Amino acid sequence: MAKSNYPKFKAFIFIPLLLLVVVCFMYAAPASDFLNNKKANTAILVKDSTMSESHVSEAFRRLSSLYGQIKLDSLGLTQTAFDYALQGYIDLVSNGAIKNDHILSIVDFSLPSTKRRLFVIDVTTGKLLFNTYVSHGRNSGKEMATEFSNDANSFKSSLGFYVTGTTYSGEHGFSLRLDGKEPGINDNAYSRSIVMHAANYVNENIIKAKGVLGRSLGCPAVPPSLHKAIINTIKDGSCLFLYSPDSFYVSHSKMINQQVLTQQPVITG
């Protein structure tokens, strides 16, 4: 009697287990899709120098949505700076120049030094990690950075795209090397010792006392209270873009004058 009932008992256990597996799969699939969609903004992160123009345009379209999602306009970052930053970022990633590819940092020199014009964005999670003050070179201007140079001893900032390098301890303490990726525009950054470092003149008290932020010898210096956190976040191969509506840069940079995007940035300044 026991033997004849065993198959029925086995089926009684197996069928509910099978249904449980099916239900779990049904719920797991959307969860998997959600995780994949969460990373959809960074479809470009597959490094492939042979990517078609349509794939590049799609990556730009997806990443463009971050501007509104993070409300970067309300924080002062201009749409033009953001669009150009995406364009160069996509180019660098697709050509394998970027290792730390979930981070995009933008310095918007169309803003005065009294504004928080450094934006560090995690493009994978869609979060703004840092928004703080950053200096420009002493010969680039006082409140506004309006003059730029790639020359040694110019004490001016250099615009354009950089790939962050390694950290070191130097004259200004914990610092970050920067590799300028635009020939004739910022490719002398390494020889000029243009790095990211902390500076006591980059803080709100200086702004309150003097009406402007302190200036560097050309380095994008950041507040001492944040410099280690910022540098550790963006180090080792992320994209850093220094923007200004400077006519020479806008007309000569090959990285922001590519005709591969479905929607080209509009120069506003």
Protein backbone atom coordinates (compact mmCIF):
# COMPACT_ATOMS: atom_id res chain seq x y z
CA MET A 1 0.00 0.00 0.00
CA ALA A 2 2.81 2.34 0.90
CA LYS A 3 4.57 1.72 -2.42
CA SER A 4 1.48 2.49 -4.51
CA ASN A 5 0.98 5.84 -2.77
CA TYR A 6 4.61 6.96 -3.14
CA PRO A 7 4.32 8.37 -6.71
CA LYS A 8 1.26 10.40 -5.66
CA PHE A 9 3.15 11.72 -2.65
CA LYS A 10 6.15 12.59 -4.85
CA ALA A 11 3.91 14.47 -7.28
CA PHE A 12 2.28 16.27 -4.36
CA ILE A 13 5.69 17.66 -3.36
CA PHE A 14 7.15 18.19 -6.84
CA ILE A 15 4.29 20.19 -8.39
CA PRO A 16 4.26 22.97 -5.72
CA LEU A 17 8.05 23.18 -5.93
CA LEU A 18 7.86 23.54 -9.70
CA LEU A 19 5.26 26.30 -9.38
CA LEU A 20 7.45 28.06 -6.83
CA VAL A 21 10.39 27.98 -9.22
CA VAL A 22 8.27 29.38 -12.05
CA VAL A 23 6.94 32.21 -9.86
CA CYS A 24 10.45 33.06 -8.65
CA PHE A 25 11.69 33.19 -12.22
CA MET A 26 8.85 35.48 -13.23
CA TYR A 27 9.74 37.94 -10.48
CA ALA A 28 13.48 37.58 -10.96
CA ALA A 29 13.35 38.41 -14.66
CA PRO A 30 11.90 41.92 -14.16
CA ALA A 31 14.40 42.51 -11.37
CA SER A 32 17.20 41.57 -13.73
CA ASP A 33 15.74 43.85 -16.37
CA PHE A 34 15.59 46.67 -13.83
CA LEU A 35 19.25 46.25 -12.97
CA ASN A 36 20.17 46.23 -16.62
CA ASN A 37 18.02 49.29 -17.28
CA LYS A 38 19.65 51.04 -14.33
CA LYS A 39 22.88 50.73 -16.25
CA ALA A 40 21.29 51.61 -19.56
CA ASN A 41 22.59 55.16 -19.22
CA THR A 42 26.08 53.74 -19.58
CA ALA A 43 25.61 51.45 -22.56
CA ILE A 44 28.66 53.23 -23.93
CA LEU A 45 30.79 51.62 -21.22
CA VAL A 46 31.49 48.72 -23.56
CA LYS A 47 34.78 49.92 -24.92
CA ASP A 48 34.66 49.52 -28.68
CA SER A 49 36.41 51.91 -31.03
CA THR A 50 34.34 50.53 -33.93
CA MET A 51 31.00 51.57 -32.42
CA SER A 52 28.57 52.77 -35.03
CA GLU A 53 27.30 56.34 -35.10
CA SER A 54 23.85 55.11 -34.13
CA HIS A 55 25.24 53.47 -30.97
CA VAL A 56 27.14 56.63 -30.07
CA SER A 57 24.03 58.73 -30.61
CA GLU A 58 21.96 56.37 -28.48
CA ALA A 59 24.51 56.51 -25.67
CA PHE A 60 24.47 60.31 -25.83
CA ARG A 61 20.67 60.34 -25.73
CA ARG A 62 20.52 58.10 -22.67
CA LEU A 63 23.19 59.99 -20.77
CA SER A 64 21.61 63.34 -21.66
CA SER A 65 18.64 62.52 -19.43
CA LEU A 66 20.88 62.84 -16.37
CA TYR A 67 20.92 66.63 -16.74
CA GLY A 68 17.26 66.83 -15.85
CA GLN A 69 17.22 63.87 -13.47
CA ILE A 70 19.91 65.36 -11.23
CA LYS A 71 18.52 68.90 -11.72
CA LEU A 72 21.94 70.16 -12.75
CA ASP A 73 20.41 73.28 -14.24
CA SER A 74 19.21 74.40 -10.81
CA LEU A 75 22.78 74.02 -9.53
CA GLY A 76 24.14 76.26 -12.27
CA LEU A 77 25.77 73.78 -14.63
CA THR A 78 25.07 74.98 -18.16
CA GLN A 79 23.46 72.64 -20.67
CA THR A 80 26.25 73.36 -23.16
CA ALA A 81 28.97 72.35 -20.70
CA PHE A 82 27.11 69.15 -19.90
CA ASP A 83 26.47 68.24 -23.56
CA TYR A 84 30.08 68.85 -24.53
CA ALA A 85 31.25 66.83 -21.52
CA LEU A 86 29.13 63.87 -22.63
CA GLN A 87 30.47 64.09 -26.15
CA GLY A 88 34.11 63.92 -25.07
CA TYR A 89 33.41 61.34 -22.38
CA ILE A 90 31.78 59.02 -24.91
CA ASP A 91 34.69 59.48 -27.29
CA LEU A 92 37.28 58.70 -24.62
CA VAL A 93 35.40 55.65 -23.33
CA SER A 94 34.75 54.23 -26.78
CA ASN A 95 38.45 54.55 -27.59
CA GLY A 96 39.54 52.78 -24.41
CA ALA A 97 41.15 55.84 -22.82
CA ILE A 98 38.96 55.65 -19.71
CA LYS A 99 39.25 53.04 -16.96
CA ASN A 100 37.18 54.63 -14.20
CA ASP A 101 34.26 54.95 -16.58
CA HIS A 102 31.38 55.46 -14.16
CA ILE A 103 32.67 58.91 -13.16
CA LEU A 104 32.35 62.13 -15.16
CA SER A 105 33.68 65.38 -13.67
CA ILE A 106 32.91 68.81 -15.10
CA VAL A 107 34.37 72.21 -14.24
CA ASP A 108 32.15 74.94 -15.70
CA PHE A 109 34.27 78.07 -16.07
CA SER A 110 31.33 79.93 -17.55
CA LEU A 111 30.43 80.37 -13.87
CA PRO A 112 32.28 82.79 -11.57
CA SER A 113 34.67 81.47 -8.95
CA THR A 114 32.13 82.35 -6.25
CA LYS A 115 29.87 79.55 -7.50
CA ARG A 116 30.19 75.82 -6.89
CA ARG A 117 31.33 74.98 -10.41
CA LEU A 118 32.86 71.52 -9.97
CA PHE A 119 30.39 68.71 -10.61
CA VAL A 120 31.35 65.06 -10.05
CA ILE A 121 28.71 62.71 -11.44
CA ASP A 122 28.31 58.96 -11.18
CA VAL A 123 26.75 58.23 -14.57
CA THR A 124 25.93 54.64 -13.56
CA THR A 125 23.78 55.48 -10.53
CA GLY A 126 22.73 58.91 -11.79
CA LYS A 127 23.95 60.63 -8.62
CA LEU A 128 25.77 63.90 -8.12
CA LEU A 129 28.63 62.95 -5.80
CA PHE A 130 30.23 66.37 -5.33
CA ASN A 131 29.35 69.96 -6.17
CA THR A 132 31.88 72.39 -4.80
CA TYR A 133 34.29 75.26 -5.44
CA VAL A 134 37.30 74.98 -7.71
CA SER A 135 39.98 77.53 -8.56
CA HIS A 136 41.27 78.81 -11.87
CA GLY A 137 44.71 80.15 -12.77
CA ARG A 138 45.71 83.58 -11.48
CA ASN A 139 46.31 84.86 -15.01
CA SER A 140 43.04 83.47 -16.34
CA GLY A 141 41.04 86.23 -14.71
CA LYS A 142 39.82 87.41 -11.34
CA GLU A 143 36.23 86.39 -10.65
CA MET A 144 35.69 84.93 -14.12
CA ALA A 145 38.16 82.73 -15.99
CA THR A 146 38.38 84.27 -19.45
CA GLU A 147 41.92 83.55 -20.64
CA PHE A 148 43.45 80.11 -21.07
CA SER A 149 46.80 78.69 -22.12
CA ASN A 150 48.72 75.49 -22.73
CA ASP A 151 52.07 77.23 -22.20
CA ALA A 152 54.49 76.69 -19.35
CA ASN A 153 54.64 79.46 -16.74
CA SER A 154 51.50 81.09 -18.13
CA PHE A 155 49.75 80.57 -14.78
CA LYS A 156 46.55 80.12 -16.74
CA SER A 157 44.07 77.27 -16.71
CA SER A 158 43.86 74.91 -19.68
CA LEU A 159 40.46 73.94 -21.00
CA GLY A 160 39.40 70.62 -22.44
CA PHE A 161 39.34 66.94 -21.61
CA TYR A 162 41.66 65.22 -19.18
CA VAL A 163 42.05 61.66 -18.00
CA THR A 164 42.87 61.48 -14.32
CA GLY A 165 46.04 59.67 -13.32
CA THR A 166 47.60 58.42 -10.13
CA THR A 167 47.85 60.15 -6.78
CA TYR A 168 51.00 61.33 -5.04
CA SER A 169 52.10 63.41 -2.07
CA GLY A 170 53.75 66.63 -3.16
CA GLU A 171 54.09 70.31 -2.36
CA HIS A 172 50.36 70.60 -1.79
CA GLY A 173 49.94 67.28 -0.04
CA PHE A 174 47.70 64.59 -1.50
CA SER A 175 47.38 65.42 -5.20
CA LEU A 176 46.14 63.95 -8.46
CA ARG A 177 47.99 63.91 -11.79
CA LEU A 178 46.07 64.98 -14.89
CA ASP A 179 46.71 63.92 -18.48
CA GLY A 180 45.50 66.46 -21.03
CA LYS A 181 44.03 64.70 -24.07
CA GLU A 182 43.70 67.64 -26.48
CA PRO A 183 46.83 68.46 -28.53
CA GLY A 184 47.69 72.14 -28.54
CA ILE A 185 45.04 72.87 -25.93
CA ASN A 186 45.97 71.03 -22.72
CA ASP A 187 48.52 68.35 -23.63
CA ASN A 188 51.27 70.19 -21.73
CA ALA A 189 49.42 69.72 -18.45
CA TYR A 190 51.79 67.03 -17.18
CA SER A 191 54.96 69.01 -17.96
CA ARG A 192 53.35 72.13 -16.45
CA SER A 193 52.52 70.15 -13.27
CA ILE A 194 48.83 70.91 -13.66
CA VAL A 195 47.25 68.69 -11.00
CA MET A 196 44.28 68.62 -8.68
CA HIS A 197 45.18 69.46 -5.10
CA ALA A 198 43.84 71.11 -1.98
CA ALA A 199 44.26 74.83 -1.37
CA ASN A 200 43.38 76.92 1.68
CA TYR A 201 42.30 79.76 -0.61
CA VAL A 202 39.44 77.61 -1.95
CA ASN A 203 36.74 78.16 0.65
CA GLU A 204 33.73 80.33 1.38
CA ASN A 205 35.57 82.47 3.93
CA ILE A 206 37.88 83.75 1.20
CA ILE A 207 34.86 84.62 -0.94
CA LYS A 208 33.26 86.50 1.97
CA ALA A 209 36.48 88.38 2.74
CA LYS A 210 37.63 89.21 -0.80
CA GLY A 211 34.56 88.76 -2.96
CA VAL A 212 36.30 86.14 -5.12
CA LEU A 213 37.88 82.75 -4.67
CA GLY A 214 41.64 82.45 -4.44
CA ARG A 215 43.51 81.51 -7.61
CA SER A 216 46.13 78.91 -8.46
CA LEU A 217 49.03 78.72 -10.90
CA GLY A 218 46.72 76.92 -13.31
CA CYS A 219 45.65 73.92 -11.26
CA PRO A 220 42.01 73.09 -10.52
CA ALA A 221 42.46 73.34 -6.73
CA VAL A 222 39.63 72.20 -4.45
CA PRO A 223 38.65 72.71 -0.78
CA PRO A 224 40.91 70.95 1.77
CA SER A 225 37.84 69.53 3.50
CA LEU A 226 36.85 67.60 0.38
CA HIS A 227 40.02 67.08 -1.62
CA LYS A 228 40.82 63.54 -0.45
CA ALA A 229 37.28 62.32 -1.02
CA ILE A 230 37.11 63.95 -4.47
CA ILE A 231 40.52 62.74 -5.58
CA ASN A 232 39.92 59.18 -4.39
CA THR A 233 36.63 59.16 -6.30
CA ILE A 234 37.93 60.43 -9.64
CA LYS A 235 41.49 59.03 -9.66
CA ASP A 236 42.88 56.29 -11.91
CA GLY A 237 41.39 56.95 -15.31
CA SER A 238 38.19 58.97 -15.14
CA CYS A 239 37.11 61.82 -17.42
CA LEU A 240 37.55 65.43 -16.28
CA PHE A 241 36.29 68.26 -18.51
CA LEU A 242 37.13 71.93 -18.02
CA TYR A 243 34.69 74.05 -20.00
CA SER A 244 34.39 77.67 -21.03
CA PRO A 245 32.56 79.25 -23.98
CA ASP A 246 36.01 80.45 -25.07
CA SER A 247 35.92 81.05 -28.84
CA PHE A 248 39.35 79.54 -29.51
CA TYR A 249 38.56 76.36 -27.62
CA VAL A 250 35.08 75.95 -29.08
CA SER A 251 36.40 76.33 -32.64
CA HIS A 252 39.59 74.27 -32.26
CA SER A 253 38.67 71.34 -30.04
CA LYS A 254 38.21 68.21 -32.14
CA MET A 255 36.53 66.46 -29.24
CA ILE A 256 33.52 68.79 -29.16
CA ASN A 257 33.27 69.25 -32.92
CA GLN A 258 32.42 65.69 -33.93
CA GLN A 259 29.38 65.32 -36.17
CA VAL A 260 28.22 61.95 -34.88
CA LEU A 261 25.48 62.92 -32.47
CA THR A 262 21.84 63.24 -33.30
CA GLN A 263 21.60 66.42 -31.29
CA GLN A 264 24.55 68.79 -31.36
CA PRO A 265 25.18 71.09 -28.39
CA VAL A 266 24.34 74.73 -28.99
CA ILE A 267 26.96 77.32 -28.10
CA THR A 268 25.38 79.88 -25.82
CA GLY A 269 28.25 82.08 -24.82
